[in-house]
Amino acid sequence: MVFKTWKSVLEIDSVKPVGTFRFECMLYGRLILVLINNMLQSEFKAFPVEQDDFELSEYKAVKMLKKS
């Protein structure tokens, strides 16, 4: 599910023909976004919520982070 989210929302698999250095910068930027998202999501999961049935969706979290 995690890789599917990376592929569909972060578009890890789609790359335009660019130079090597630009490709590396884009890839590193997307991977940094993945790390930030995982850290934020782990913090939200550790935060006690009043509703026991609430769980943050990885897909929605990545989409919201990419949007902002």
PDB file of N, CA and C in Angstrom:
ATOM      1  N   MET A   1       0.811  -1.180   0.000  1.00  0.00           N
ATOM      2  CA  MET A   1       0.000   0.000   0.000  1.00  0.00           C
ATOM      3  C   MET A   1       0.865   1.257   0.000  1.00  0.00           C
ATOM      4  N   VAL A   2       1.976   1.202   0.707  1.00  0.00           N
ATOM      5  CA  VAL A   2       2.862   2.365   0.786  1.00  0.00           C
ATOM      6  C   VAL A   2       3.436   2.692  -0.588  1.00  0.00           C
ATOM      7  N   PHE A   3       3.920   1.693  -1.296  1.00  0.00           N
ATOM      8  CA  PHE A   3       4.509   1.938  -2.610  1.00  0.00           C
ATOM      9  C   PHE A   3       3.451   2.394  -3.609  1.00  0.00           C
ATOM     10  N   LYS A   4       2.248   1.897  -3.470  1.00  0.00           N
ATOM     11  CA  LYS A   4       1.157   2.331  -4.344  1.00  0.00           C
ATOM     12  C   LYS A   4       0.865   3.815  -4.121  1.00  0.00           C
ATOM     13  N   THR A   5       0.891   4.239  -2.881  1.00  0.00           N
ATOM     14  CA  THR A   5       0.681   5.650  -2.558  1.00  0.00           C
ATOM     15  C   THR A   5       1.802   6.502  -3.140  1.00  0.00           C
ATOM     16  N   TRP A   6       3.040   6.052  -2.982  1.00  0.00           N
ATOM     17  CA  TRP A   6       4.165   6.804  -3.542  1.00  0.00           C
ATOM     18  C   TRP A   6       4.025   6.937  -5.050  1.00  0.00           C
ATOM     19  N   LYS A   7       3.611   5.857  -5.678  1.00  0.00           N
ATOM     20  CA  LYS A   7       3.512   5.847  -7.130  1.00  0.00           C
ATOM     21  C   LYS A   7       2.367   6.726  -7.619  1.00  0.00           C
ATOM     22  N   SER A   8       1.206   6.644  -6.981  1.00  0.00           N
ATOM     23  CA  SER A   8       0.045   7.378  -7.488  1.00  0.00           C
ATOM     24  C   SER A   8       0.044   8.847  -7.076  1.00  0.00           C
ATOM     25  N   VAL A   9       0.384   9.166  -5.846  1.00  0.00           N
ATOM     26  CA  VAL A   9       0.297  10.551  -5.379  1.00  0.00           C
ATOM     27  C   VAL A   9       1.599  11.313  -5.631  1.00  0.00           C
ATOM     28  N   LEU A  10       2.715  10.731  -5.282  1.00  0.00           N
ATOM     29  CA  LEU A  10       3.997  11.423  -5.440  1.00  0.00           C
ATOM     30  C   LEU A  10       4.590  11.264  -6.835  1.00  0.00           C
ATOM     31  N   GLU A  11       4.005  10.412  -7.632  1.00  0.00           N
ATOM     32  CA  GLU A  11       4.418  10.189  -9.023  1.00  0.00           C
ATOM     33  C   GLU A  11       5.915   9.848  -9.120  1.00  0.00           C
ATOM     34  N   ILE A  12       6.330   8.908  -8.285  1.00  0.00           N
ATOM     35  CA  ILE A  12       7.723   8.471  -8.276  1.00  0.00           C
ATOM     36  C   ILE A  12       8.105   7.835  -9.613  1.00  0.00           C
ATOM     37  N   ASP A  13       7.154   7.173 -10.244  1.00  0.00           N
ATOM     38  CA  ASP A  13       7.470   6.428 -11.462  1.00  0.00           C
ATOM     39  C   ASP A  13       7.479   7.283 -12.723  1.00  0.00           C
ATOM     40  N   SER A  14       6.909   8.482 -12.697  1.00  0.00           N
ATOM     41  CA  SER A  14       6.853   9.301 -13.903  1.00  0.00           C
ATOM     42  C   SER A  14       7.975  10.333 -13.899  1.00  0.00           C
ATOM     43  N   VAL A  15       8.828  10.242 -14.894  1.00  0.00           N
ATOM     44  CA  VAL A  15       9.970  11.143 -15.000  1.00  0.00           C
ATOM     45  C   VAL A  15      10.063  11.632 -16.439  1.00  0.00           C
ATOM     46  N   LYS A  16      10.154  12.937 -16.583  1.00  0.00           N
ATOM     47  CA  LYS A  16      10.351  13.515 -17.902  1.00  0.00           C
ATOM     48  C   LYS A  16      11.824  13.411 -18.264  1.00  0.00           C
ATOM     49  N   PRO A  17      12.131  13.460 -19.546  1.00  0.00           N
ATOM     50  CA  PRO A  17      13.550  13.411 -19.921  1.00  0.00           C
ATOM     51  C   PRO A  17      14.278  14.687 -19.464  1.00  0.00           C
ATOM     52  N   VAL A  18      15.093  14.547 -18.438  1.00  0.00           N
ATOM     53  CA  VAL A  18      15.863  15.662 -17.893  1.00  0.00           C
ATOM     54  C   VAL A  18      17.294  15.192 -17.672  1.00  0.00           C
ATOM     55  N   GLY A  19      18.126  16.134 -17.298  1.00  0.00           N
ATOM     56  CA  GLY A  19      19.524  15.797 -17.011  1.00  0.00           C
ATOM     57  C   GLY A  19      19.659  14.960 -15.755  1.00  0.00           C
ATOM     58  N   THR A  20      20.805  14.378 -15.611  1.00  0.00           N
ATOM     59  CA  THR A  20      21.071  13.481 -14.488  1.00  0.00           C
ATOM     60  C   THR A  20      20.963  14.207 -13.150  1.00  0.00           C
ATOM     61  N   PHE A  21      21.565  15.388 -13.058  1.00  0.00           N
ATOM     62  CA  PHE A  21      21.559  16.109 -11.782  1.00  0.00           C
ATOM     63  C   PHE A  21      20.151  16.570 -11.408  1.00  0.00           C
ATOM     64  N   ARG A  22      19.382  17.019 -12.386  1.00  0.00           N
ATOM     65  CA  ARG A  22      18.012  17.441 -12.097  1.00  0.00           C
ATOM     66  C   ARG A  22      17.169  16.248 -11.650  1.00  0.00           C
ATOM     67  N   PHE A  23      17.369  15.096 -12.303  1.00  0.00           N
ATOM     68  CA  PHE A  23      16.649  13.881 -11.911  1.00  0.00           C
ATOM     69  C   PHE A  23      16.968  13.506 -10.473  1.00  0.00           C
ATOM     70  N   GLU A  24      18.244  13.569 -10.100  1.00  0.00           N
ATOM     71  CA  GLU A  24      18.637  13.230  -8.733  1.00  0.00           C
ATOM     72  C   GLU A  24      17.996  14.183  -7.726  1.00  0.00           C
ATOM     73  N   CYS A  25      17.965  15.474  -8.051  1.00  0.00           N
ATOM     74  CA  CYS A  25      17.333  16.454  -7.150  1.00  0.00           C
ATOM     75  C   CYS A  25      15.845  16.166  -6.983  1.00  0.00           C
ATOM     76  N   MET A  26      15.165  15.857  -8.084  1.00  0.00           N
ATOM     77  CA  MET A  26      13.734  15.549  -8.010  1.00  0.00           C
ATOM     78  C   MET A  26      13.492  14.285  -7.197  1.00  0.00           C
ATOM     79  N   LEU A  27      14.309  13.277  -7.420  1.00  0.00           N
ATOM     80  CA  LEU A  27      14.155  12.021  -6.689  1.00  0.00           C
ATOM     81  C   LEU A  27      14.414  12.214  -5.201  1.00  0.00           C
ATOM     82  N   TYR A  28      15.489  12.920  -4.856  1.00  0.00           N
ATOM     83  CA  TYR A  28      15.801  13.160  -3.451  1.00  0.00           C
ATOM     84  C   TYR A  28      14.712  13.990  -2.787  1.00  0.00           C
ATOM     85  N   GLY A  29      14.182  14.978  -3.497  1.00  0.00           N
ATOM     86  CA  GLY A  29      13.092  15.788  -2.955  1.00  0.00           C
ATOM     87  C   GLY A  29      11.865  14.960  -2.647  1.00  0.00           C
ATOM     88  N   ARG A  30      11.520  14.063  -3.546  1.00  0.00           N
ATOM     89  CA  ARG A  30      10.350  13.205  -3.326  1.00  0.00           C
ATOM     90  C   ARG A  30      10.589  12.228  -2.188  1.00  0.00           C
ATOM     91  N   LEU A  31      11.808  11.719  -2.082  1.00  0.00           N
ATOM     92  CA  LEU A  31      12.104  10.795  -0.985  1.00  0.00           C
ATOM     93  C   LEU A  31      12.133  11.517   0.363  1.00  0.00           C
ATOM     94  N   ILE A  32      12.580  12.771   0.380  1.00  0.00           N
ATOM     95  CA  ILE A  32      12.527  13.569   1.606  1.00  0.00           C
ATOM     96  C   ILE A  32      11.073  13.794   2.005  1.00  0.00           C
ATOM     97  N   LEU A  33      10.214  14.053   1.021  1.00  0.00           N
ATOM     98  CA  LEU A  33       8.791  14.213   1.291  1.00  0.00           C
ATOM     99  C   LEU A  33       8.206  12.934   1.897  1.00  0.00           C
ATOM    100  N   VAL A  34       8.642  11.790   1.413  1.00  0.00           N
ATOM    101  CA  VAL A  34       8.192  10.508   1.956  1.00  0.00           C
ATOM    102  C   VAL A  34       8.625  10.375   3.413  1.00  0.00           C
ATOM    103  N   LEU A  35       9.874  10.730   3.719  1.00  0.00           N
ATOM    104  CA  LEU A  35      10.358  10.628   5.101  1.00  0.00           C
ATOM    105  C   LEU A  35       9.600  11.567   6.037  1.00  0.00           C
ATOM    106  N   ILE A  36       9.370  12.799   5.593  1.00  0.00           N
ATOM    107  CA  ILE A  36       8.628  13.752   6.417  1.00  0.00           C
ATOM    108  C   ILE A  36       7.217  13.239   6.666  1.00  0.00           C
ATOM    109  N   ASN A  37       6.600  12.709   5.623  1.00  0.00           N
ATOM    110  CA  ASN A  37       5.250  12.169   5.769  1.00  0.00           C
ATOM    111  C   ASN A  37       5.223  11.010   6.756  1.00  0.00           C
ATOM    112  N   ASN A  38       6.185  10.123   6.675  1.00  0.00           N
ATOM    113  CA  ASN A  38       6.216   8.980   7.599  1.00  0.00           C
ATOM    114  C   ASN A  38       6.432   9.434   9.034  1.00  0.00           C
ATOM    115  N   MET A  39       7.272  10.442   9.247  1.00  0.00           N
ATOM    116  CA  MET A  39       7.502  10.947  10.603  1.00  0.00           C
ATOM    117  C   MET A  39       6.243  11.610  11.151  1.00  0.00           C
ATOM    118  N   LEU A  40       5.577  12.418  10.339  1.00  0.00           N
ATOM    119  CA  LEU A  40       4.345  13.065  10.784  1.00  0.00           C
ATOM    120  C   LEU A  40       3.257  12.044  11.086  1.00  0.00           C
ATOM    121  N   GLN A  41       3.168  11.047  10.234  1.00  0.00           N
ATOM    122  CA  GLN A  41       2.136  10.033  10.421  1.00  0.00           C
ATOM    123  C   GLN A  41       2.384   9.214  11.692  1.00  0.00           C
ATOM    124  N   SER A  42       3.629   8.919  11.990  1.00  0.00           N
ATOM    125  CA  SER A  42       3.911   8.178  13.216  1.00  0.00           C
ATOM    126  C   SER A  42       3.585   9.018  14.452  1.00  0.00           C
ATOM    127  N   GLU A  43       3.799  10.335  14.369  1.00  0.00           N
ATOM    128  CA  GLU A  43       3.425  11.214  15.476  1.00  0.00           C
ATOM    129  C   GLU A  43       1.913  11.240  15.679  1.00  0.00           C
ATOM    130  N   PHE A  44       1.163  11.299  14.579  1.00  0.00           N
ATOM    131  CA  PHE A  44      -0.295  11.309  14.685  1.00  0.00           C
ATOM    132  C   PHE A  44      -0.830   9.986  15.220  1.00  0.00           C
ATOM    133  N   LYS A  45      -0.173   8.891  14.863  1.00  0.00           N
ATOM    134  CA  LYS A  45      -0.624   7.593  15.368  1.00  0.00           C
ATOM    135  C   LYS A  45      -0.344   7.454  16.862  1.00  0.00           C
ATOM    136  N   ALA A  46       0.715   8.085  17.337  1.00  0.00           N
ATOM    137  CA  ALA A  46       1.066   8.016  18.752  1.00  0.00           C
ATOM    138  C   ALA A  46       0.200   8.955  19.585  1.00  0.00           C
ATOM    139  N   PHE A  47      -0.382   9.961  18.968  1.00  0.00           N
ATOM    140  CA  PHE A  47      -1.215  10.936  19.666  1.00  0.00           C
ATOM    141  C   PHE A  47      -2.539  10.299  20.046  1.00  0.00           C
ATOM    142  N   PRO A  48      -2.895  10.358  21.332  1.00  0.00           N
ATOM    143  CA  PRO A  48      -4.168   9.737  21.742  1.00  0.00           C
ATOM    144  C   PRO A  48      -5.371  10.498  21.173  1.00  0.00           C
ATOM    145  N   VAL A  49      -6.262   9.775  20.577  1.00  0.00           N
ATOM    146  CA  VAL A  49      -7.457  10.354  19.968  1.00  0.00           C
ATOM    147  C   VAL A  49      -8.666   9.916  20.779  1.00  0.00           C
ATOM    148  N   GLU A  50      -9.625  10.805  20.911  1.00  0.00           N
ATOM    149  CA  GLU A  50     -10.821  10.483  21.696  1.00  0.00           C
ATOM    150  C   GLU A  50     -11.624   9.356  21.057  1.00  0.00           C
ATOM    151  N   GLN A  51     -11.623   9.305  19.737  1.00  0.00           N
ATOM    152  CA  GLN A  51     -12.329   8.226  19.048  1.00  0.00           C
ATOM    153  C   GLN A  51     -11.341   7.079  18.828  1.00  0.00           C
ATOM    154  N   ASP A  52     -11.662   5.918  19.328  1.00  0.00           N
ATOM    155  CA  ASP A  52     -10.760   4.781  19.209  1.00  0.00           C
ATOM    156  C   ASP A  52     -10.695   4.229  17.792  1.00  0.00           C
ATOM    157  N   ASP A  53     -11.734   4.449  16.993  1.00  0.00           N
ATOM    158  CA  ASP A  53     -11.763   3.869  15.657  1.00  0.00           C
ATOM    159  C   ASP A  53     -11.131   4.779  14.594  1.00  0.00           C
ATOM    160  N   PHE A  54     -10.520   5.895  14.993  1.00  0.00           N
ATOM    161  CA  PHE A  54      -9.911   6.821  14.048  1.00  0.00           C
ATOM    162  C   PHE A  54      -8.498   6.378  13.709  1.00  0.00           C
ATOM    163  N   GLU A  55      -8.196   6.353  12.424  1.00  0.00           N
ATOM    164  CA  GLU A  55      -6.842   6.054  11.980  1.00  0.00           C
ATOM    165  C   GLU A  55      -6.550   6.902  10.752  1.00  0.00           C
ATOM    166  N   LEU A  56      -5.379   7.512  10.725  1.00  0.00           N
ATOM    167  CA  LEU A  56      -4.989   8.369   9.616  1.00  0.00           C
ATOM    168  C   LEU A  56      -4.582   7.508   8.429  1.00  0.00           C
ATOM    169  N   SER A  57      -5.197   7.743   7.285  1.00  0.00           N
ATOM    170  CA  SER A  57      -4.879   7.017   6.073  1.00  0.00           C
ATOM    171  C   SER A  57      -3.585   7.549   5.473  1.00  0.00           C
ATOM    172  N   GLU A  58      -2.690   6.637   5.082  1.00  0.00           N
ATOM    173  CA  GLU A  58      -1.430   7.064   4.475  1.00  0.00           C
ATOM    174  C   GLU A  58      -1.685   7.799   3.164  1.00  0.00           C
ATOM    175  N   TYR A  59      -2.628   7.324   2.399  1.00  0.00           N
ATOM    176  CA  TYR A  59      -2.954   7.949   1.119  1.00  0.00           C
ATOM    177  C   TYR A  59      -3.418   9.389   1.321  1.00  0.00           C
ATOM    178  N   LYS A  60      -4.318   9.599   2.275  1.00  0.00           N
ATOM    179  CA  LYS A  60      -4.834  10.947   2.540  1.00  0.00           C
ATOM    180  C   LYS A  60      -3.747  11.851   3.115  1.00  0.00           C
ATOM    181  N   ALA A  61      -2.889  11.297   3.960  1.00  0.00           N
ATOM    182  CA  ALA A  61      -1.823  12.098   4.555  1.00  0.00           C
ATOM    183  C   ALA A  61      -0.837  12.576   3.488  1.00  0.00           C
ATOM    184  N   VAL A  62      -0.462  11.699   2.572  1.00  0.00           N
ATOM    185  CA  VAL A  62       0.463  12.073   1.507  1.00  0.00           C
ATOM    186  C   VAL A  62      -0.180  13.103   0.591  1.00  0.00           C
ATOM    187  N   LYS A  63      -1.452  12.911   0.287  1.00  0.00           N
ATOM    188  CA  LYS A  63      -2.166  13.848  -0.578  1.00  0.00           C
ATOM    189  C   LYS A  63      -2.238  15.235   0.054  1.00  0.00           C
ATOM    190  N   MET A  64      -2.544  15.294   1.340  1.00  0.00           N
ATOM    191  CA  MET A  64      -2.630  16.576   2.035  1.00  0.00           C
ATOM    192  C   MET A  64      -1.257  17.262   2.122  1.00  0.00           C
ATOM    193  N   LEU A  65      -0.218  16.486   2.366  1.00  0.00           N
ATOM    194  CA  LEU A  65       1.133  17.053   2.456  1.00  0.00           C
ATOM    195  C   LEU A  65       1.577  17.577   1.100  1.00  0.00           C
ATOM    196  N   LYS A  66       1.256  16.865   0.044  1.00  0.00           N
ATOM    197  CA  LYS A  66       1.635  17.307  -1.292  1.00  0.00           C
ATOM    198  C   LYS A  66       0.869  18.574  -1.677  1.00  0.00           C
ATOM    199  N   LYS A  67      -0.376  18.660  -1.235  1.00  0.00           N
ATOM    200  CA  LYS A  67      -1.226  19.806  -1.557  1.00  0.00           C
ATOM    201  C   LYS A  67      -0.685  21.078  -0.933  1.00  0.00           C
ATOM    202  N   SER A  68      -0.164  20.977   0.284  1.00  0.00           N
ATOM    203  CA  SER A  68       0.288  22.179   0.991  1.00  0.00           C
ATOM    204  C   SER A  68       1.752  22.427   0.828  1.00  0.00           C
TER     205      SER A  68
END
